[in-house]
Each structure stands twice: as C-alpha cells, then as structure tokens.
Amino acid sequence: MHITLQNLSEIKKKVKEIGNKKQLKTFPNIIAVTKTFSSDKFIPLLESGHKHFGENKVQETENKWISLKKNYEHIQLHMLGKLQSNKAKKAVEIFNYIHSLDSSKLAIKINSYVKELEKNIGIFIQINIGEESQKSGILLGDLNDFYNFCTKELSLNIIGLMCLPPINQTNQNYFSVLREKANELNLKELSMGMSSDYEDATLNGSTFLRLGTAIMGKRNI
C-alpha cells in the first residue's frame, strides 16, 4: 500500500474511534492538503477515490489540478490559503469550496464572480479566533454583522466557519468556541483541525479536517 493511503487509513481509523466514543452522528471529511507536492505523490489517493483535496495558492492549483479534474471528476477542491481579491475570479472558477473569506472586499468580489460564472461554491468565514495581529480573519465580535452582510446584502453561500488557533496553545477551547458560534448562526460546517490537532477538532465537531503532513509527509520547502 502506498504511504499516503496507509497514512489516510490510519487517520480514518483514529477519527472513527473518536467518533464512536463520542457517539458522533457523522464523521468529518478529510481534506488532503497537497500544496507543494507534485501530482505523482497523491495520484494513489485519487485512484483510491479520495474526494477532498486542499491547496493554498490559486496559481499552483491551476497548474496542477486543471487536467486532473478532467480525469477524476469526483474531485472536490478546497481553497485553504489567504485569497487575494485579484485572484477571486480564478478561485471561483477552480475551487468547490473557499475556506478563507476574511473581508468585505473579498466577499463582494466573490459574490460578483459567483453570479457572473453561475457557480455555487461553499464558503467558510475565516475567524481570527485568537485575535492575533499577524493573522487575517474576522473577529468574533464582528462576526454577526459580517455574516449578515454576506448572506443578506450579498447572496453568498456561507456554509460554515474556519479557524487557525494560536500555535503552542491548547486548541480545545478555541474549537469549542467556534462550534458554539456556528451553532448560534445555524451553520452546519466547521473547518478546523490540522495534522497536529485533528483529534481535538474531531472531538469538538469538526466537519472538515485539513491534513497535510499527516497524510503527505514532510514538505520540501
């Protein structure tokens, strides 16, 4: 068995164990984050029928995935990195989900291109859960107004919330807060949990885990 398939199998097993203990009704989707990896590294995942893949940059995704999507029609692509507004149109064209909506300017751009291209994509609002100055994202105190702007003034398909908790801190509390906020807004999807903390994220009801190293191994950066 290819190493990526072996890693994915082990992760699924852990997630299922956690889900069964917590009596979860559904288990989270696993996004294989393939940024910086060439296609030969993840073709085994595609061949096995794995569905969800994540990238951080529009240009890299375009170069890597356009032809692959023609051959593997089941693929669902997730934009995980910061999205510049000048790349919004291309992002709407390529991706099925955007996890990093972090400003009104970007929301307006995405909304115009969704209408122009007549493509409905799932969008997560990125929350700056730790109120860190170096990170983008909507502050929790501004979320209600931003959500109303996106859904009522615009017509964006906001399906959930996403966060990147502060490094070297216990993430359980942050995940719990995000889950509560999503429940308040009646949002069903939560994009939280990476290779180092996906078990905690699963415990707290994540519906999309963003896993790079745990599946793909270390990156050559």
C-alpha atoms as a PDB file:
ATOM      1  CA  MET A   1       0.000   0.000   0.000  1.00  0.00           C
ATOM      2  CA  HIS A   2       1.289   3.469  -0.890  1.00  0.00           C
ATOM      3  CA  ILE A   3       2.387   5.503   2.133  1.00  0.00           C
ATOM      4  CA  THR A   4      -0.256   8.200   1.572  1.00  0.00           C
ATOM      5  CA  LEU A   5      -3.008   5.574   1.512  1.00  0.00           C
ATOM      6  CA  GLN A   6      -1.587   3.955   4.612  1.00  0.00           C
ATOM      7  CA  ASN A   7      -1.482   7.298   6.434  1.00  0.00           C
ATOM      8  CA  LEU A   8      -5.032   8.138   5.373  1.00  0.00           C
ATOM      9  CA  SER A   9      -6.259   4.731   6.512  1.00  0.00           C
ATOM     10  CA  GLU A  10      -4.707   5.193   9.958  1.00  0.00           C
ATOM     11  CA  ILE A  11      -6.215   8.663  10.302  1.00  0.00           C
ATOM     12  CA  LYS A  12      -9.660   7.398   9.330  1.00  0.00           C
ATOM     13  CA  LYS A  13      -9.329   4.660  11.935  1.00  0.00           C
ATOM     14  CA  LYS A  14      -8.460   7.182  14.676  1.00  0.00           C
ATOM     15  CA  VAL A  15     -11.264   9.519  13.638  1.00  0.00           C
ATOM     16  CA  LYS A  16     -13.749   6.640  13.661  1.00  0.00           C
ATOM     17  CA  GLU A  17     -12.622   5.570  17.149  1.00  0.00           C
ATOM     18  CA  ILE A  18     -13.092   9.112  18.444  1.00  0.00           C
ATOM     19  CA  GLY A  19     -16.430   9.432  16.704  1.00  0.00           C
ATOM     20  CA  ASN A  20     -17.713   6.172  18.121  1.00  0.00           C
ATOM     21  CA  LYS A  21     -16.653   7.114  21.668  1.00  0.00           C
ATOM     22  CA  LYS A  22     -18.345  10.499  21.354  1.00  0.00           C
ATOM     23  CA  GLN A  23     -21.313   8.913  19.552  1.00  0.00           C
ATOM     24  CA  LEU A  24     -20.973  11.349  16.666  1.00  0.00           C
ATOM     25  CA  LYS A  25     -23.699  11.055  14.060  1.00  0.00           C
ATOM     26  CA  THR A  26     -21.296  11.859  11.226  1.00  0.00           C
ATOM     27  CA  PHE A  27     -17.528  11.780  10.862  1.00  0.00           C
ATOM     28  CA  PRO A  28     -15.534  14.703   9.454  1.00  0.00           C
ATOM     29  CA  ASN A  29     -14.469  14.900   5.840  1.00  0.00           C
ATOM     30  CA  ILE A  30     -10.719  14.661   5.401  1.00  0.00           C
ATOM     31  CA  ILE A  31      -9.077  17.208   3.111  1.00  0.00           C
ATOM     32  CA  ALA A  32      -5.689  16.017   1.859  1.00  0.00           C
ATOM     33  CA  VAL A  33      -3.607  19.191   1.671  1.00  0.00           C
ATOM     34  CA  THR A  34      -1.366  18.778  -1.357  1.00  0.00           C
ATOM     35  CA  LYS A  35       0.308  22.195  -1.562  1.00  0.00           C
ATOM     36  CA  THR A  36       3.932  21.998  -2.806  1.00  0.00           C
ATOM     37  CA  PHE A  37       3.525  18.302  -3.731  1.00  0.00           C
ATOM     38  CA  SER A  38       3.639  17.125  -7.334  1.00  0.00           C
ATOM     39  CA  SER A  39       0.755  15.010  -8.579  1.00  0.00           C
ATOM     40  CA  ASP A  40       2.718  11.752  -8.536  1.00  0.00           C
ATOM     41  CA  LYS A  41       2.725  11.987  -4.730  1.00  0.00           C
ATOM     42  CA  PHE A  42      -1.061  11.961  -4.439  1.00  0.00           C
ATOM     43  CA  ILE A  43      -2.225  10.057  -7.541  1.00  0.00           C
ATOM     44  CA  PRO A  44      -2.700   6.953  -5.318  1.00  0.00           C
ATOM     45  CA  LEU A  45      -5.250   8.946  -3.287  1.00  0.00           C
ATOM     46  CA  LEU A  46      -7.083   9.947  -6.462  1.00  0.00           C
ATOM     47  CA  GLU A  47      -7.041   6.373  -7.741  1.00  0.00           C
ATOM     48  CA  SER A  48      -8.493   5.161  -4.448  1.00  0.00           C
ATOM     49  CA  GLY A  49     -11.443   7.528  -4.852  1.00  0.00           C
ATOM     50  CA  HIS A  50     -10.470  10.058  -2.194  1.00  0.00           C
ATOM     51  CA  LYS A  51     -12.584  13.123  -2.799  1.00  0.00           C
ATOM     52  CA  HIS A  52     -11.383  16.227  -0.920  1.00  0.00           C
ATOM     53  CA  PHE A  53      -8.095  17.999  -1.682  1.00  0.00           C
ATOM     54  CA  GLY A  54      -6.784  21.344  -0.470  1.00  0.00           C
ATOM     55  CA  GLU A  55      -4.381  23.924  -1.840  1.00  0.00           C
ATOM     56  CA  ASN A  56      -3.170  27.325  -0.633  1.00  0.00           C
ATOM     57  CA  LYS A  57      -2.398  29.161  -3.860  1.00  0.00           C
ATOM     58  CA  VAL A  58      -4.546  29.783  -6.913  1.00  0.00           C
ATOM     59  CA  GLN A  59      -1.697  29.644  -9.444  1.00  0.00           C
ATOM     60  CA  GLU A  60      -0.299  26.364  -8.127  1.00  0.00           C
ATOM     61  CA  THR A  61      -3.770  24.851  -8.127  1.00  0.00           C
ATOM     62  CA  GLU A  62      -4.431  25.929 -11.696  1.00  0.00           C
ATOM     63  CA  ASN A  63      -1.144  24.430 -12.905  1.00  0.00           C
ATOM     64  CA  LYS A  64      -1.602  21.197 -11.007  1.00  0.00           C
ATOM     65  CA  TRP A  65      -5.292  20.374 -10.993  1.00  0.00           C
ATOM     66  CA  ILE A  66      -6.993  21.538 -14.217  1.00  0.00           C
ATOM     67  CA  SER A  67      -6.059  18.415 -16.172  1.00  0.00           C
ATOM     68  CA  LEU A  68      -6.530  16.150 -13.145  1.00  0.00           C
ATOM     69  CA  LYS A  69     -10.100  17.351 -12.663  1.00  0.00           C
ATOM     70  CA  LYS A  70     -10.902  16.217 -16.187  1.00  0.00           C
ATOM     71  CA  ASN A  71      -9.682  12.705 -15.429  1.00  0.00           C
ATOM     72  CA  TYR A  72     -11.025  12.451 -11.875  1.00  0.00           C
ATOM     73  CA  GLU A  73     -14.458  14.031 -11.912  1.00  0.00           C
ATOM     74  CA  HIS A  74     -15.161  13.195  -8.262  1.00  0.00           C
ATOM     75  CA  ILE A  75     -12.555  15.708  -7.011  1.00  0.00           C
ATOM     76  CA  GLN A  76     -13.677  18.496  -4.686  1.00  0.00           C
ATOM     77  CA  LEU A  77     -11.052  21.251  -4.385  1.00  0.00           C
ATOM     78  CA  HIS A  78     -10.721  23.460  -1.301  1.00  0.00           C
ATOM     79  CA  MET A  79      -9.009  26.865  -1.239  1.00  0.00           C
ATOM     80  CA  LEU A  80      -7.373  26.975   2.191  1.00  0.00           C
ATOM     81  CA  GLY A  81      -4.851  29.827   1.986  1.00  0.00           C
ATOM     82  CA  LYS A  82      -5.295  33.574   2.065  1.00  0.00           C
ATOM     83  CA  LEU A  83      -7.119  34.655  -1.082  1.00  0.00           C
ATOM     84  CA  GLN A  84      -6.182  37.963  -2.695  1.00  0.00           C
ATOM     85  CA  SER A  85      -9.184  39.746  -4.183  1.00  0.00           C
ATOM     86  CA  ASN A  86      -7.470  39.955  -7.590  1.00  0.00           C
ATOM     87  CA  LYS A  87      -7.371  36.141  -7.669  1.00  0.00           C
ATOM     88  CA  ALA A  88     -11.019  35.747  -6.647  1.00  0.00           C
ATOM     89  CA  LYS A  89     -12.402  35.085 -10.132  1.00  0.00           C
ATOM     90  CA  LYS A  90      -9.926  32.319 -10.860  1.00  0.00           C
ATOM     91  CA  ALA A  91     -10.583  30.844  -7.412  1.00  0.00           C
ATOM     92  CA  VAL A  92     -14.321  30.702  -8.074  1.00  0.00           C
ATOM     93  CA  GLU A  93     -13.615  29.007 -11.406  1.00  0.00           C
ATOM     94  CA  ILE A  94     -11.330  26.327  -9.972  1.00  0.00           C
ATOM     95  CA  PHE A  95     -12.452  25.577  -6.422  1.00  0.00           C
ATOM     96  CA  ASN A  96     -15.563  23.959  -4.982  1.00  0.00           C
ATOM     97  CA  TYR A  97     -15.007  25.459  -1.519  1.00  0.00           C
ATOM     98  CA  ILE A  98     -13.279  28.569  -0.178  1.00  0.00           C
ATOM     99  CA  HIS A  99     -12.260  28.354   3.486  1.00  0.00           C
ATOM    100  CA  SER A 100     -10.651  31.784   3.827  1.00  0.00           C
ATOM    101  CA  LEU A 101     -13.249  34.523   3.400  1.00  0.00           C
ATOM    102  CA  ASP A 102     -11.801  37.239   5.625  1.00  0.00           C
ATOM    103  CA  SER A 103     -13.018  40.658   4.456  1.00  0.00           C
ATOM    104  CA  SER A 104     -15.953  42.566   2.991  1.00  0.00           C
ATOM    105  CA  LYS A 105     -13.853  43.476  -0.061  1.00  0.00           C
ATOM    106  CA  LEU A 106     -13.233  39.805  -0.829  1.00  0.00           C
ATOM    107  CA  ALA A 107     -16.873  38.926  -0.138  1.00  0.00           C
ATOM    108  CA  ILE A 108     -18.042  41.486  -2.720  1.00  0.00           C
ATOM    109  CA  LYS A 109     -15.575  40.160  -5.303  1.00  0.00           C
ATOM    110  CA  ILE A 110     -16.529  36.525  -4.763  1.00  0.00           C
ATOM    111  CA  ASN A 111     -20.217  37.387  -4.918  1.00  0.00           C
ATOM    112  CA  SER A 112     -19.843  39.155  -8.272  1.00  0.00           C
ATOM    113  CA  TYR A 113     -17.909  36.237  -9.797  1.00  0.00           C
ATOM    114  CA  VAL A 114     -20.272  33.603  -8.421  1.00  0.00           C
ATOM    115  CA  LYS A 115     -23.065  35.415 -10.256  1.00  0.00           C
ATOM    116  CA  GLU A 116     -21.033  36.001 -13.408  1.00  0.00           C
ATOM    117  CA  LEU A 117     -19.887  32.375 -13.648  1.00  0.00           C
ATOM    118  CA  GLU A 118     -23.177  30.968 -12.354  1.00  0.00           C
ATOM    119  CA  LYS A 119     -21.307  28.695  -9.991  1.00  0.00           C
ATOM    120  CA  ASN A 120     -22.412  27.932  -6.457  1.00  0.00           C
ATOM    121  CA  ILE A 121     -19.481  27.244  -4.118  1.00  0.00           C
ATOM    122  CA  GLY A 122     -19.408  26.538  -0.395  1.00  0.00           C
ATOM    123  CA  ILE A 123     -17.784  29.317   1.619  1.00  0.00           C
ATOM    124  CA  PHE A 124     -16.360  29.359   5.127  1.00  0.00           C
ATOM    125  CA  ILE A 125     -15.809  32.592   7.042  1.00  0.00           C
ATOM    126  CA  GLN A 126     -12.299  32.592   8.474  1.00  0.00           C
ATOM    127  CA  ILE A 127     -12.312  33.614  12.135  1.00  0.00           C
ATOM    128  CA  ASN A 128      -9.281  35.169  13.823  1.00  0.00           C
ATOM    129  CA  ILE A 129     -10.070  33.093  16.879  1.00  0.00           C
ATOM    130  CA  GLY A 130      -7.006  34.155  18.884  1.00  0.00           C
ATOM    131  CA  GLU A 131      -7.232  37.833  17.860  1.00  0.00           C
ATOM    132  CA  GLU A 132      -3.672  37.649  16.533  1.00  0.00           C
ATOM    133  CA  SER A 133      -2.421  40.741  14.723  1.00  0.00           C
ATOM    134  CA  GLN A 134      -0.359  38.705  12.226  1.00  0.00           C
ATOM    135  CA  LYS A 135      -3.338  36.614  11.111  1.00  0.00           C
ATOM    136  CA  SER A 136      -6.242  37.568   8.904  1.00  0.00           C
ATOM    137  CA  GLY A 137      -9.811  36.701   9.689  1.00  0.00           C
ATOM    138  CA  ILE A 138     -12.989  38.166  11.148  1.00  0.00           C
ATOM    139  CA  LEU A 139     -13.015  38.859  14.892  1.00  0.00           C
ATOM    140  CA  LEU A 140     -15.724  37.055  16.842  1.00  0.00           C
ATOM    141  CA  GLY A 141     -17.192  40.388  17.919  1.00  0.00           C
ATOM    142  CA  ASP A 142     -17.687  41.364  14.274  1.00  0.00           C
ATOM    143  CA  LEU A 143     -18.950  38.007  13.047  1.00  0.00           C
ATOM    144  CA  ASN A 144     -22.706  38.553  13.302  1.00  0.00           C
ATOM    145  CA  ASP A 145     -22.584  41.762  11.253  1.00  0.00           C
ATOM    146  CA  PHE A 146     -20.231  40.215   8.698  1.00  0.00           C
ATOM    147  CA  TYR A 147     -22.370  37.087   8.367  1.00  0.00           C
ATOM    148  CA  ASN A 148     -25.500  39.202   7.826  1.00  0.00           C
ATOM    149  CA  PHE A 149     -23.680  41.276   5.201  1.00  0.00           C
ATOM    150  CA  CYS A 150     -22.559  38.156   3.323  1.00  0.00           C
ATOM    151  CA  THR A 151     -25.920  36.407   3.379  1.00  0.00           C
ATOM    152  CA  LYS A 152     -28.453  39.247   3.304  1.00  0.00           C
ATOM    153  CA  GLU A 153     -26.814  42.112   1.406  1.00  0.00           C
ATOM    154  CA  LEU A 154     -24.877  39.705  -0.771  1.00  0.00           C
ATOM    155  CA  SER A 155     -26.072  36.216  -1.678  1.00  0.00           C
ATOM    156  CA  LEU A 156     -23.066  34.147  -0.688  1.00  0.00           C
ATOM    157  CA  ASN A 157     -23.484  30.507   0.227  1.00  0.00           C
ATOM    158  CA  ILE A 158     -21.915  30.673   3.695  1.00  0.00           C
ATOM    159  CA  ILE A 159     -21.841  27.093   4.957  1.00  0.00           C
ATOM    160  CA  GLY A 160     -19.552  27.311   7.982  1.00  0.00           C
ATOM    161  CA  LEU A 161     -16.683  28.798   9.962  1.00  0.00           C
ATOM    162  CA  MET A 162     -12.934  28.174   9.788  1.00  0.00           C
ATOM    163  CA  CYS A 163     -10.141  28.923  12.247  1.00  0.00           C
ATOM    164  CA  LEU A 164      -6.377  28.648  12.726  1.00  0.00           C
ATOM    165  CA  PRO A 165      -5.824  28.608  16.507  1.00  0.00           C
ATOM    166  CA  PRO A 166      -2.690  30.180  18.008  1.00  0.00           C
ATOM    167  CA  ILE A 167       0.388  27.955  17.859  1.00  0.00           C
ATOM    168  CA  ASN A 168       1.545  26.204  21.047  1.00  0.00           C
ATOM    169  CA  GLN A 169      -1.736  26.648  22.887  1.00  0.00           C
ATOM    170  CA  THR A 170      -4.455  24.213  23.872  1.00  0.00           C
ATOM    171  CA  ASN A 171      -6.829  24.247  20.957  1.00  0.00           C
ATOM    172  CA  GLN A 172      -9.792  22.569  22.656  1.00  0.00           C
ATOM    173  CA  ASN A 173     -11.117  25.903  23.954  1.00  0.00           C
ATOM    174  CA  TYR A 174     -10.826  27.608  20.579  1.00  0.00           C
ATOM    175  CA  PHE A 175     -12.544  24.734  18.817  1.00  0.00           C
ATOM    176  CA  SER A 176     -15.314  24.749  21.386  1.00  0.00           C
ATOM    177  CA  VAL A 177     -15.905  28.487  20.962  1.00  0.00           C
ATOM    178  CA  LEU A 178     -16.041  28.153  17.176  1.00  0.00           C
ATOM    179  CA  ARG A 179     -18.524  25.289  17.422  1.00  0.00           C
ATOM    180  CA  GLU A 180     -20.788  27.320  19.716  1.00  0.00           C
ATOM    181  CA  LYS A 181     -20.652  30.298  17.375  1.00  0.00           C
ATOM    182  CA  ALA A 182     -21.507  28.133  14.367  1.00  0.00           C
ATOM    183  CA  ASN A 183     -24.474  26.714  16.275  1.00  0.00           C
ATOM    184  CA  GLU A 184     -25.700  30.237  17.073  1.00  0.00           C
ATOM    185  CA  LEU A 185     -25.696  31.069  13.355  1.00  0.00           C
ATOM    186  CA  ASN A 186     -27.195  27.693  12.457  1.00  0.00           C
ATOM    187  CA  LEU A 187     -24.137  26.827  10.350  1.00  0.00           C
ATOM    188  CA  LYS A 188     -23.526  23.106   9.975  1.00  0.00           C
ATOM    189  CA  GLU A 189     -19.923  23.045   8.758  1.00  0.00           C
ATOM    190  CA  LEU A 190     -16.720  23.589  10.732  1.00  0.00           C
ATOM    191  CA  SER A 191     -13.307  23.713   9.082  1.00  0.00           C
ATOM    192  CA  MET A 192     -10.932  23.102  11.957  1.00  0.00           C
ATOM    193  CA  GLY A 193      -8.161  20.680  12.761  1.00  0.00           C
ATOM    194  CA  MET A 194      -4.804  20.130  11.111  1.00  0.00           C
ATOM    195  CA  SER A 195      -2.183  17.391  11.355  1.00  0.00           C
ATOM    196  CA  SER A 196      -1.179  18.310  14.910  1.00  0.00           C
ATOM    197  CA  ASP A 197      -4.652  18.707  16.412  1.00  0.00           C
ATOM    198  CA  TYR A 198      -7.185  16.869  14.269  1.00  0.00           C
ATOM    199  CA  GLU A 199      -8.161  14.569  17.146  1.00  0.00           C
ATOM    200  CA  ASP A 200      -9.184  17.540  19.319  1.00  0.00           C
ATOM    201  CA  ALA A 201     -11.010  19.035  16.346  1.00  0.00           C
ATOM    202  CA  THR A 202     -12.909  15.799  15.776  1.00  0.00           C
ATOM    203  CA  LEU A 203     -13.921  15.739  19.443  1.00  0.00           C
ATOM    204  CA  ASN A 204     -15.314  19.247  19.030  1.00  0.00           C
ATOM    205  CA  GLY A 205     -17.442  18.509  15.994  1.00  0.00           C
ATOM    206  CA  SER A 206     -15.247  19.492  13.068  1.00  0.00           C
ATOM    207  CA  THR A 207     -16.769  18.527   9.720  1.00  0.00           C
ATOM    208  CA  PHE A 208     -13.653  19.217   7.611  1.00  0.00           C
ATOM    209  CA  LEU A 209     -10.121  18.311   8.742  1.00  0.00           C
ATOM    210  CA  ARG A 210      -7.278  19.954   6.805  1.00  0.00           C
ATOM    211  CA  LEU A 211      -4.451  17.410   6.849  1.00  0.00           C
ATOM    212  CA  GLY A 212      -1.163  17.853   5.044  1.00  0.00           C
ATOM    213  CA  THR A 213       1.835  16.361   6.819  1.00  0.00           C
ATOM    214  CA  ALA A 214      -0.204  13.587   8.461  1.00  0.00           C
ATOM    215  CA  ILE A 215      -1.137  12.247   5.022  1.00  0.00           C
ATOM    216  CA  MET A 216       1.505  13.523   2.621  1.00  0.00           C
ATOM    217  CA  GLY A 217       4.578  13.553   4.855  1.00  0.00           C
ATOM    218  CA  LYS A 218       7.033  16.412   5.302  1.00  0.00           C
ATOM    219  CA  ARG A 219       7.194  19.075   2.620  1.00  0.00           C
ATOM    220  CA  ASN A 220      10.293  20.083   0.719  1.00  0.00           C
ATOM    221  CA  ILE A 221      10.110  23.831   1.124  1.00  0.00           C
END
